[in-house]
Amino acid sequence: MDFGGIDITVERLRSLIGVAVRHAGVDCRIIEVLEDGPSLVLQSDMGQSIQPDQYGEAHRWVPYTLTIPIFTEDKTELNPDFLSLGVIDLDAGSK
């Protein structure tokens, strides 16, 4: 999709895997791209959370992760949370 001269493709998003970003004041790293949406999965350096198994029982600690959608719900604009990561340059297209 093209948003104001910025071509957002899954391939371009995948090139961001491993990039350090800051989200809501917390240092994170992009660890995955989910094609459905699409969305970026961030892993935080600030702690861990308990991961439940398929039955909802907690058995292990894992790094805290969160998912940031690329587009707004109606898919007409870029999501402000995605824009706040600073991984794209609005003046020059994708970094």
PDB file of N, CA and C in Angstrom:
ATOM      1  N   MET A   1       0.835  -1.178   0.000  1.00  0.00           N
ATOM      2  CA  MET A   1       0.000   0.000   0.000  1.00  0.00           C
ATOM      3  C   MET A   1       0.882   1.244   0.000  1.00  0.00           C
ATOM      4  N   ASP A   2       0.419   2.272  -0.634  1.00  0.00           N
ATOM      5  CA  ASP A   2       1.160   3.519  -0.725  1.00  0.00           C
ATOM      6  C   ASP A   2       0.434   4.579   0.096  1.00  0.00           C
ATOM      7  N   PHE A   3       1.119   5.131   1.085  1.00  0.00           N
ATOM      8  CA  PHE A   3       0.560   6.174   1.939  1.00  0.00           C
ATOM      9  C   PHE A   3       1.422   7.416   1.827  1.00  0.00           C
ATOM     10  N   GLY A   4       0.987   8.358   0.995  1.00  0.00           N
ATOM     11  CA  GLY A   4       1.708   9.609   0.851  1.00  0.00           C
ATOM     12  C   GLY A   4       3.140   9.435   0.390  1.00  0.00           C
ATOM     13  N   GLY A   5       3.354   8.564  -0.570  1.00  0.00           N
ATOM     14  CA  GLY A   5       4.705   8.334  -1.074  1.00  0.00           C
ATOM     15  C   GLY A   5       5.477   7.288  -0.301  1.00  0.00           C
ATOM     16  N   ILE A   6       4.879   6.731   0.745  1.00  0.00           N
ATOM     17  CA  ILE A   6       5.529   5.689   1.539  1.00  0.00           C
ATOM     18  C   ILE A   6       4.908   4.357   1.144  1.00  0.00           C
ATOM     19  N   ASP A   7       5.695   3.500   0.521  1.00  0.00           N
ATOM     20  CA  ASP A   7       5.209   2.197   0.078  1.00  0.00           C
ATOM     21  C   ASP A   7       5.401   1.194   1.214  1.00  0.00           C
ATOM     22  N   ILE A   8       4.302   0.748   1.808  1.00  0.00           N
ATOM     23  CA  ILE A   8       4.346  -0.194   2.924  1.00  0.00           C
ATOM     24  C   ILE A   8       4.100  -1.597   2.378  1.00  0.00           C
ATOM     25  N   THR A   9       5.148  -2.413   2.361  1.00  0.00           N
ATOM     26  CA  THR A   9       5.024  -3.799   1.918  1.00  0.00           C
ATOM     27  C   THR A   9       5.529  -4.714   3.031  1.00  0.00           C
ATOM     28  N   VAL A  10       5.110  -5.954   2.997  1.00  0.00           N
ATOM     29  CA  VAL A  10       5.569  -6.929   3.991  1.00  0.00           C
ATOM     30  C   VAL A  10       7.079  -7.096   3.892  1.00  0.00           C
ATOM     31  N   GLU A  11       7.622  -7.067   2.673  1.00  0.00           N
ATOM     32  CA  GLU A  11       9.066  -7.215   2.497  1.00  0.00           C
ATOM     33  C   GLU A  11       9.807  -6.068   3.179  1.00  0.00           C
ATOM     34  N   ARG A  12       9.320  -4.844   3.011  1.00  0.00           N
ATOM     35  CA  ARG A  12       9.954  -3.695   3.676  1.00  0.00           C
ATOM     36  C   ARG A  12       9.821  -3.802   5.183  1.00  0.00           C
ATOM     37  N   LEU A  13       8.669  -4.237   5.646  1.00  0.00           N
ATOM     38  CA  LEU A  13       8.483  -4.397   7.087  1.00  0.00           C
ATOM     39  C   LEU A  13       9.429  -5.461   7.633  1.00  0.00           C
ATOM     40  N   ARG A  14       9.610  -6.547   6.901  1.00  0.00           N
ATOM     41  CA  ARG A  14      10.521  -7.610   7.360  1.00  0.00           C
ATOM     42  C   ARG A  14      11.954  -7.107   7.489  1.00  0.00           C
ATOM     43  N   SER A  15      12.320  -6.131   6.670  1.00  0.00           N
ATOM     44  CA  SER A  15      13.676  -5.591   6.757  1.00  0.00           C
ATOM     45  C   SER A  15      13.898  -4.862   8.087  1.00  0.00           C
ATOM     46  N   LEU A  16      12.825  -4.586   8.818  1.00  0.00           N
ATOM     47  CA  LEU A  16      12.932  -3.916  10.111  1.00  0.00           C
ATOM     48  C   LEU A  16      13.187  -4.876  11.268  1.00  0.00           C
ATOM     49  N   ILE A  17      13.096  -6.182  11.022  1.00  0.00           N
ATOM     50  CA  ILE A  17      13.328  -7.151  12.099  1.00  0.00           C
ATOM     51  C   ILE A  17      14.738  -6.957  12.642  1.00  0.00           C
ATOM     52  N   GLY A  18      14.815  -6.835  13.954  1.00  0.00           N
ATOM     53  CA  GLY A  18      16.095  -6.621  14.625  1.00  0.00           C
ATOM     54  C   GLY A  18      16.382  -5.168  14.956  1.00  0.00           C
ATOM     55  N   VAL A  19      15.580  -4.255  14.410  1.00  0.00           N
ATOM     56  CA  VAL A  19      15.790  -2.828  14.646  1.00  0.00           C
ATOM     57  C   VAL A  19      15.333  -2.466  16.063  1.00  0.00           C
ATOM     58  N   ALA A  20      16.176  -1.701  16.770  1.00  0.00           N
ATOM     59  CA  ALA A  20      15.822  -1.206  18.097  1.00  0.00           C
ATOM     60  C   ALA A  20      14.924   0.013  17.947  1.00  0.00           C
ATOM     61  N   VAL A  21      13.842   0.050  18.719  1.00  0.00           N
ATOM     62  CA  VAL A  21      12.894   1.161  18.690  1.00  0.00           C
ATOM     63  C   VAL A  21      12.531   1.517  20.127  1.00  0.00           C
ATOM     64  N   ARG A  22      11.850   2.625  20.279  1.00  0.00           N
ATOM     65  CA  ARG A  22      11.350   3.042  21.589  1.00  0.00           C
ATOM     66  C   ARG A  22       9.843   3.214  21.463  1.00  0.00           C
ATOM     67  N   HIS A  23       9.096   2.510  22.310  1.00  0.00           N
ATOM     68  CA  HIS A  23       7.633   2.587  22.297  1.00  0.00           C
ATOM     69  C   HIS A  23       7.154   2.944  23.704  1.00  0.00           C
ATOM     70  N   ALA A  24       6.421   4.036  23.812  1.00  0.00           N
ATOM     71  CA  ALA A  24       5.877   4.493  25.101  1.00  0.00           C
ATOM     72  C   ALA A  24       6.970   4.604  26.163  1.00  0.00           C
ATOM     73  N   GLY A  25       8.146   5.065  25.744  1.00  0.00           N
ATOM     74  CA  GLY A  25       9.247   5.268  26.676  1.00  0.00           C
ATOM     75  C   GLY A  25      10.030   4.029  27.044  1.00  0.00           C
ATOM     76  N   VAL A  26       9.741   2.921  26.382  1.00  0.00           N
ATOM     77  CA  VAL A  26      10.399   1.650  26.693  1.00  0.00           C
ATOM     78  C   VAL A  26      11.227   1.193  25.492  1.00  0.00           C
ATOM     79  N   ASP A  27      12.472   0.789  25.738  1.00  0.00           N
ATOM     80  CA  ASP A  27      13.317   0.261  24.673  1.00  0.00           C
ATOM     81  C   ASP A  27      12.819  -1.118  24.256  1.00  0.00           C
ATOM     82  N   CYS A  28      12.662  -1.296  22.947  1.00  0.00           N
ATOM     83  CA  CYS A  28      12.162  -2.553  22.391  1.00  0.00           C
ATOM     84  C   CYS A  28      12.965  -2.901  21.139  1.00  0.00           C
ATOM     85  N   ARG A  29      12.733  -4.087  20.644  1.00  0.00           N
ATOM     86  CA  ARG A  29      13.324  -4.540  19.387  1.00  0.00           C
ATOM     87  C   ARG A  29      12.213  -5.183  18.570  1.00  0.00           C
ATOM     88  N   ILE A  30      12.217  -4.918  17.264  1.00  0.00           N
ATOM     89  CA  ILE A  30      11.238  -5.546  16.373  1.00  0.00           C
ATOM     90  C   ILE A  30      11.689  -6.982  16.143  1.00  0.00           C
ATOM     91  N   ILE A  31      10.820  -7.943  16.497  1.00  0.00           N
ATOM     92  CA  ILE A  31      11.218  -9.354  16.398  1.00  0.00           C
ATOM     93  C   ILE A  31      10.433 -10.144  15.351  1.00  0.00           C
ATOM     94  N   GLU A  32       9.327  -9.569  14.865  1.00  0.00           N
ATOM     95  CA  GLU A  32       8.509 -10.325  13.913  1.00  0.00           C
ATOM     96  C   GLU A  32       7.573  -9.385  13.170  1.00  0.00           C
ATOM     97  N   VAL A  33       7.163  -9.816  11.982  1.00  0.00           N
ATOM     98  CA  VAL A  33       6.145  -9.119  11.203  1.00  0.00           C
ATOM     99  C   VAL A  33       4.994 -10.091  10.995  1.00  0.00           C
ATOM    100  N   LEU A  34       3.809  -9.675  11.391  1.00  0.00           N
ATOM    101  CA  LEU A  34       2.613 -10.478  11.148  1.00  0.00           C
ATOM    102  C   LEU A  34       1.958  -9.958   9.880  1.00  0.00           C
ATOM    103  N   GLU A  35       1.833 -10.817   8.888  1.00  0.00           N
ATOM    104  CA  GLU A  35       1.282 -10.394   7.594  1.00  0.00           C
ATOM    105  C   GLU A  35      -0.184 -10.011   7.690  1.00  0.00           C
ATOM    106  N   ASP A  36      -0.920 -10.691   8.562  1.00  0.00           N
ATOM    107  CA  ASP A  36      -2.342 -10.393   8.712  1.00  0.00           C
ATOM    108  C   ASP A  36      -2.471  -9.082   9.465  1.00  0.00           C
ATOM    109  N   GLY A  37      -2.829  -8.070   8.792  1.00  0.00           N
ATOM    110  CA  GLY A  37      -2.954  -6.745   9.420  1.00  0.00           C
ATOM    111  C   GLY A  37      -2.349  -5.652   8.570  1.00  0.00           C
ATOM    112  N   PRO A  38      -1.102  -5.608   8.293  1.00  0.00           N
ATOM    113  CA  PRO A  38       0.036  -6.235   8.967  1.00  0.00           C
ATOM    114  C   PRO A  38       0.342  -5.532  10.294  1.00  0.00           C
ATOM    115  N   SER A  39       1.196  -6.183  11.089  1.00  0.00           N
ATOM    116  CA  SER A  39       1.583  -5.662  12.393  1.00  0.00           C
ATOM    117  C   SER A  39       3.039  -5.992  12.668  1.00  0.00           C
ATOM    118  N   LEU A  40       3.652  -5.210  13.549  1.00  0.00           N
ATOM    119  CA  LEU A  40       4.997  -5.489  14.028  1.00  0.00           C
ATOM    120  C   LEU A  40       4.893  -6.045  15.441  1.00  0.00           C
ATOM    121  N   VAL A  41       5.709  -7.046  15.751  1.00  0.00           N
ATOM    122  CA  VAL A  41       5.780  -7.575  17.102  1.00  0.00           C
ATOM    123  C   VAL A  41       7.060  -7.027  17.731  1.00  0.00           C
ATOM    124  N   LEU A  42       6.896  -6.375  18.882  1.00  0.00           N
ATOM    125  CA  LEU A  42       8.027  -5.806  19.595  1.00  0.00           C
ATOM    126  C   LEU A  42       8.302  -6.617  20.845  1.00  0.00           C
ATOM    127  N   GLN A  43       9.580  -6.749  21.183  1.00  0.00           N
ATOM    128  CA  GLN A  43       9.984  -7.405  22.424  1.00  0.00           C
ATOM    129  C   GLN A  43      10.651  -6.352  23.291  1.00  0.00           C
ATOM    130  N   SER A  44      10.190  -6.247  24.523  1.00  0.00           N
ATOM    131  CA  SER A  44      10.694  -5.241  25.446  1.00  0.00           C
ATOM    132  C   SER A  44      11.881  -5.786  26.234  1.00  0.00           C
ATOM    133  N   ASP A  45      12.799  -4.869  26.567  1.00  0.00           N
ATOM    134  CA  ASP A  45      13.941  -5.227  27.405  1.00  0.00           C
ATOM    135  C   ASP A  45      13.621  -5.023  28.884  1.00  0.00           C
ATOM    136  N   MET A  46      12.412  -4.563  29.205  1.00  0.00           N
ATOM    137  CA  MET A  46      12.130  -4.150  30.573  1.00  0.00           C
ATOM    138  C   MET A  46      11.583  -5.226  31.496  1.00  0.00           C
ATOM    139  N   GLY A  47      11.475  -6.421  31.081  1.00  0.00           N
ATOM    140  CA  GLY A  47      10.980  -7.434  32.001  1.00  0.00           C
ATOM    141  C   GLY A  47      10.395  -8.623  31.285  1.00  0.00           C
ATOM    142  N   GLN A  48       9.720  -9.420  32.059  1.00  0.00           N
ATOM    143  CA  GLN A  48       9.140 -10.640  31.527  1.00  0.00           C
ATOM    144  C   GLN A  48       7.697 -10.756  31.978  1.00  0.00           C
ATOM    145  N   SER A  49       6.964 -11.605  31.289  1.00  0.00           N
ATOM    146  CA  SER A  49       5.595 -11.912  31.668  1.00  0.00           C
ATOM    147  C   SER A  49       5.445 -13.424  31.683  1.00  0.00           C
ATOM    148  N   ILE A  50       4.430 -13.880  32.364  1.00  0.00           N
ATOM    149  CA  ILE A  50       4.182 -15.319  32.425  1.00  0.00           C
ATOM    150  C   ILE A  50       3.379 -15.719  31.198  1.00  0.00           C
ATOM    151  N   GLN A  51       3.849 -16.744  30.500  1.00  0.00           N
ATOM    152  CA  GLN A  51       3.166 -17.205  29.290  1.00  0.00           C
ATOM    153  C   GLN A  51       2.289 -18.404  29.629  1.00  0.00           C
ATOM    154  N   PRO A  52       0.985 -18.282  29.363  1.00  0.00           N
ATOM    155  CA  PRO A  52       0.107 -19.430  29.613  1.00  0.00           C
ATOM    156  C   PRO A  52       0.217 -20.455  28.484  1.00  0.00           C
ATOM    157  N   ASP A  53      -0.058 -21.702  28.825  1.00  0.00           N
ATOM    158  CA  ASP A  53      -0.091 -22.734  27.793  1.00  0.00           C
ATOM    159  C   ASP A  53      -1.466 -22.712  27.125  1.00  0.00           C
ATOM    160  N   GLN A  54      -1.732 -23.701  26.278  1.00  0.00           N
ATOM    161  CA  GLN A  54      -2.992 -23.710  25.539  1.00  0.00           C
ATOM    162  C   GLN A  54      -4.222 -23.864  26.431  1.00  0.00           C
ATOM    163  N   TYR A  55      -4.006 -24.238  27.694  1.00  0.00           N
ATOM    164  CA  TYR A  55      -5.116 -24.398  28.623  1.00  0.00           C
ATOM    165  C   TYR A  55      -5.247 -23.201  29.563  1.00  0.00           C
ATOM    166  N   GLY A  56      -4.404 -22.182  29.369  1.00  0.00           N
ATOM    167  CA  GLY A  56      -4.461 -20.982  30.186  1.00  0.00           C
ATOM    168  C   GLY A  56      -3.664 -21.064  31.471  1.00  0.00           C
ATOM    169  N   GLU A  57      -2.900 -22.152  31.623  1.00  0.00           N
ATOM    170  CA  GLU A  57      -2.088 -22.306  32.828  1.00  0.00           C
ATOM    171  C   GLU A  57      -0.684 -21.759  32.585  1.00  0.00           C
ATOM    172  N   ALA A  58      -0.235 -20.918  33.521  1.00  0.00           N
ATOM    173  CA  ALA A  58       1.075 -20.286  33.381  1.00  0.00           C
ATOM    174  C   ALA A  58       2.176 -21.255  33.804  1.00  0.00           C
ATOM    175  N   HIS A  59       3.190 -21.390  32.925  1.00  0.00           N
ATOM    176  CA  HIS A  59       4.273 -22.323  33.229  1.00  0.00           C
ATOM    177  C   HIS A  59       5.673 -21.752  33.057  1.00  0.00           C
ATOM    178  N   ARG A  60       5.808 -20.624  32.334  1.00  0.00           N
ATOM    179  CA  ARG A  60       7.165 -20.117  32.133  1.00  0.00           C
ATOM    180  C   ARG A  60       7.168 -18.611  31.930  1.00  0.00           C
ATOM    181  N   TRP A  61       8.317 -18.044  32.222  1.00  0.00           N
ATOM    182  CA  TRP A  61       8.524 -16.613  32.023  1.00  0.00           C
ATOM    183  C   TRP A  61       9.096 -16.376  30.636  1.00  0.00           C
ATOM    184  N   VAL A  62       8.567 -15.378  29.951  1.00  0.00           N
ATOM    185  CA  VAL A  62       9.047 -15.011  28.616  1.00  0.00           C
ATOM    186  C   VAL A  62       9.205 -13.494  28.558  1.00  0.00           C
ATOM    187  N   PRO A  63      10.053 -12.999  27.657  1.00  0.00           N
ATOM    188  CA  PRO A  63      10.161 -11.540  27.508  1.00  0.00           C
ATOM    189  C   PRO A  63       8.808 -10.953  27.123  1.00  0.00           C
ATOM    190  N   TYR A  64       8.538  -9.757  27.620  1.00  0.00           N
ATOM    191  CA  TYR A  64       7.292  -9.055  27.329  1.00  0.00           C
ATOM    192  C   TYR A  64       7.263  -8.675  25.852  1.00  0.00           C
ATOM    193  N   THR A  65       6.160  -8.971  25.183  1.00  0.00           N
ATOM    194  CA  THR A  65       5.986  -8.604  23.776  1.00  0.00           C
ATOM    195  C   THR A  65       4.678  -7.846  23.600  1.00  0.00           C
ATOM    196  N   LEU A  66       4.630  -7.039  22.538  1.00  0.00           N
ATOM    197  CA  LEU A  66       3.396  -6.364  22.183  1.00  0.00           C
ATOM    198  C   LEU A  66       3.324  -6.253  20.672  1.00  0.00           C
ATOM    199  N   THR A  67       2.122  -6.110  20.165  1.00  0.00           N
ATOM    200  CA  THR A  67       1.887  -6.044  18.731  1.00  0.00           C
ATOM    201  C   THR A  67       1.394  -4.643  18.364  1.00  0.00           C
ATOM    202  N   ILE A  68       2.056  -4.058  17.367  1.00  0.00           N
ATOM    203  CA  ILE A  68       1.709  -2.721  16.897  1.00  0.00           C
ATOM    204  C   ILE A  68       1.166  -2.828  15.476  1.00  0.00           C
ATOM    205  N   PRO A  69      -0.115  -2.512  15.266  1.00  0.00           N
ATOM    206  CA  PRO A  69      -0.658  -2.536  13.904  1.00  0.00           C
ATOM    207  C   PRO A  69      -0.051  -1.409  13.061  1.00  0.00           C
ATOM    208  N   ILE A  70       0.129  -1.668  11.787  1.00  0.00           N
ATOM    209  CA  ILE A  70       0.693  -0.672  10.877  1.00  0.00           C
ATOM    210  C   ILE A  70      -0.355   0.368  10.502  1.00  0.00           C
ATOM    211  N   PHE A  71      -1.584  -0.067  10.307  1.00  0.00           N
ATOM    212  CA  PHE A  71      -2.652   0.818   9.855  1.00  0.00           C
ATOM    213  C   PHE A  71      -3.710   1.006  10.934  1.00  0.00           C
ATOM    214  N   THR A  72      -4.500   2.060  10.795  1.00  0.00           N
ATOM    215  CA  THR A  72      -5.643   2.248  11.666  1.00  0.00           C
ATOM    216  C   THR A  72      -6.663   1.146  11.367  1.00  0.00           C
ATOM    217  N   GLU A  73      -7.664   1.014  12.217  1.00  0.00           N
ATOM    218  CA  GLU A  73      -8.658  -0.048  12.036  1.00  0.00           C
ATOM    219  C   GLU A  73      -9.332  -0.021  10.679  1.00  0.00           C
ATOM    220  N   ASP A  74      -9.622   1.181  10.178  1.00  0.00           N
ATOM    221  CA  ASP A  74     -10.295   1.286   8.882  1.00  0.00           C
ATOM    222  C   ASP A  74      -9.315   1.228   7.701  1.00  0.00           C
ATOM    223  N   LYS A  75      -8.030   1.073   7.999  1.00  0.00           N
ATOM    224  CA  LYS A  75      -6.957   0.912   7.003  1.00  0.00           C
ATOM    225  C   LYS A  75      -6.827   2.102   6.046  1.00  0.00           C
ATOM    226  N   THR A  76      -7.225   3.284   6.509  1.00  0.00           N
ATOM    227  CA  THR A  76      -7.106   4.469   5.664  1.00  0.00           C
ATOM    228  C   THR A  76      -5.891   5.320   6.019  1.00  0.00           C
ATOM    229  N   GLU A  77      -5.295   5.068   7.192  1.00  0.00           N
ATOM    230  CA  GLU A  77      -4.149   5.854   7.647  1.00  0.00           C
ATOM    231  C   GLU A  77      -3.154   4.952   8.361  1.00  0.00           C
ATOM    232  N   LEU A  78      -1.924   5.463   8.498  1.00  0.00           N
ATOM    233  CA  LEU A  78      -0.931   4.763   9.296  1.00  0.00           C
ATOM    234  C   LEU A  78      -1.264   4.946  10.773  1.00  0.00           C
ATOM    235  N   ASN A  79      -1.101   3.884  11.541  1.00  0.00           N
ATOM    236  CA  ASN A  79      -1.392   3.895  12.968  1.00  0.00           C
ATOM    237  C   ASN A  79      -0.416   4.830  13.689  1.00  0.00           C
ATOM    238  N   PRO A  80      -0.906   5.714  14.552  1.00  0.00           N
ATOM    239  CA  PRO A  80      -0.015   6.616  15.289  1.00  0.00           C
ATOM    240  C   PRO A  80       1.042   5.886  16.112  1.00  0.00           C
ATOM    241  N   ASP A  81       0.714   4.713  16.664  1.00  0.00           N
ATOM    242  CA  ASP A  81       1.712   3.940  17.421  1.00  0.00           C
ATOM    243  C   ASP A  81       2.844   3.472  16.510  1.00  0.00           C
ATOM    244  N   PHE A  82       2.513   3.076  15.290  1.00  0.00           N
ATOM    245  CA  PHE A  82       3.538   2.686  14.320  1.00  0.00           C
ATOM    246  C   PHE A  82       4.401   3.893  13.962  1.00  0.00           C
ATOM    247  N   LEU A  83       3.771   5.023  13.693  1.00  0.00           N
ATOM    248  CA  LEU A  83       4.510   6.237  13.341  1.00  0.00           C
ATOM    249  C   LEU A  83       5.441   6.670  14.470  1.00  0.00           C
ATOM    250  N   SER A  84       5.015   6.472  15.717  1.00  0.00           N
ATOM    251  CA  SER A  84       5.833   6.903  16.857  1.00  0.00           C
ATOM    252  C   SER A  84       7.113   6.090  17.010  1.00  0.00           C
ATOM    253  N   LEU A  85       7.190   4.941  16.353  1.00  0.00           N
ATOM    254  CA  LEU A  85       8.404   4.120  16.432  1.00  0.00           C
ATOM    255  C   LEU A  85       9.566   4.756  15.676  1.00  0.00           C
ATOM    256  N   GLY A  86       9.254   5.631  14.719  1.00  0.00           N
ATOM    257  CA  GLY A  86      10.294   6.324  13.972  1.00  0.00           C
ATOM    258  C   GLY A  86      11.058   5.443  13.002  1.00  0.00           C
ATOM    259  N   VAL A  87      10.438   4.380  12.499  1.00  0.00           N
ATOM    260  CA  VAL A  87      11.133   3.481  11.568  1.00  0.00           C
ATOM    261  C   VAL A  87      10.941   3.881  10.114  1.00  0.00           C
ATOM    262  N   ILE A  88      10.101   4.902   9.871  1.00  0.00           N
ATOM    263  CA  ILE A  88       9.950   5.421   8.519  1.00  0.00           C
ATOM    264  C   ILE A  88      10.213   6.910   8.526  1.00  0.00           C
ATOM    265  N   ASP A  89      10.681   7.418   7.417  1.00  0.00           N
ATOM    266  CA  ASP A  89      10.918   8.838   7.252  1.00  0.00           C
ATOM    267  C   ASP A  89       9.804   9.373   6.367  1.00  0.00           C
ATOM    268  N   LEU A  90       8.929  10.183   6.933  1.00  0.00           N
ATOM    269  CA  LEU A  90       7.774  10.671   6.181  1.00  0.00           C
ATOM    270  C   LEU A  90       8.167  11.571   5.022  1.00  0.00           C
ATOM    271  N   ASP A  91       9.349  12.171   5.063  1.00  0.00           N
ATOM    272  CA  ASP A  91       9.792  13.040   3.987  1.00  0.00           C
ATOM    273  C   ASP A  91      10.450  12.268   2.845  1.00  0.00           C
ATOM    274  N   ALA A  92      11.090  11.142   3.181  1.00  0.00           N
ATOM    275  CA  ALA A  92      11.873  10.435   2.172  1.00  0.00           C
ATOM    276  C   ALA A  92      11.409   9.005   1.942  1.00  0.00           C
ATOM    277  N   GLY A  93      10.250   8.617   2.461  1.00  0.00           N
ATOM    278  CA  GLY A  93       9.790   7.244   2.297  1.00  0.00           C
ATOM    279  C   GLY A  93      10.358   6.356   3.368  1.00  0.00           C
ATOM    280  N   SER A  94      10.489   5.075   3.099  1.00  0.00           N
ATOM    281  CA  SER A  94      10.963   4.112   4.082  1.00  0.00           C
ATOM    282  C   SER A  94      12.451   4.252   4.333  1.00  0.00           C
ATOM    283  N   LYS A  95      12.851   4.118   5.588  1.00  0.00           N
ATOM    284  CA  LYS A  95      14.276   4.150   5.950  1.00  0.00           C
ATOM    285  C   LYS A  95      14.966   2.896   5.520  1.00  0.00           C
TER     286      LYS A  95
END
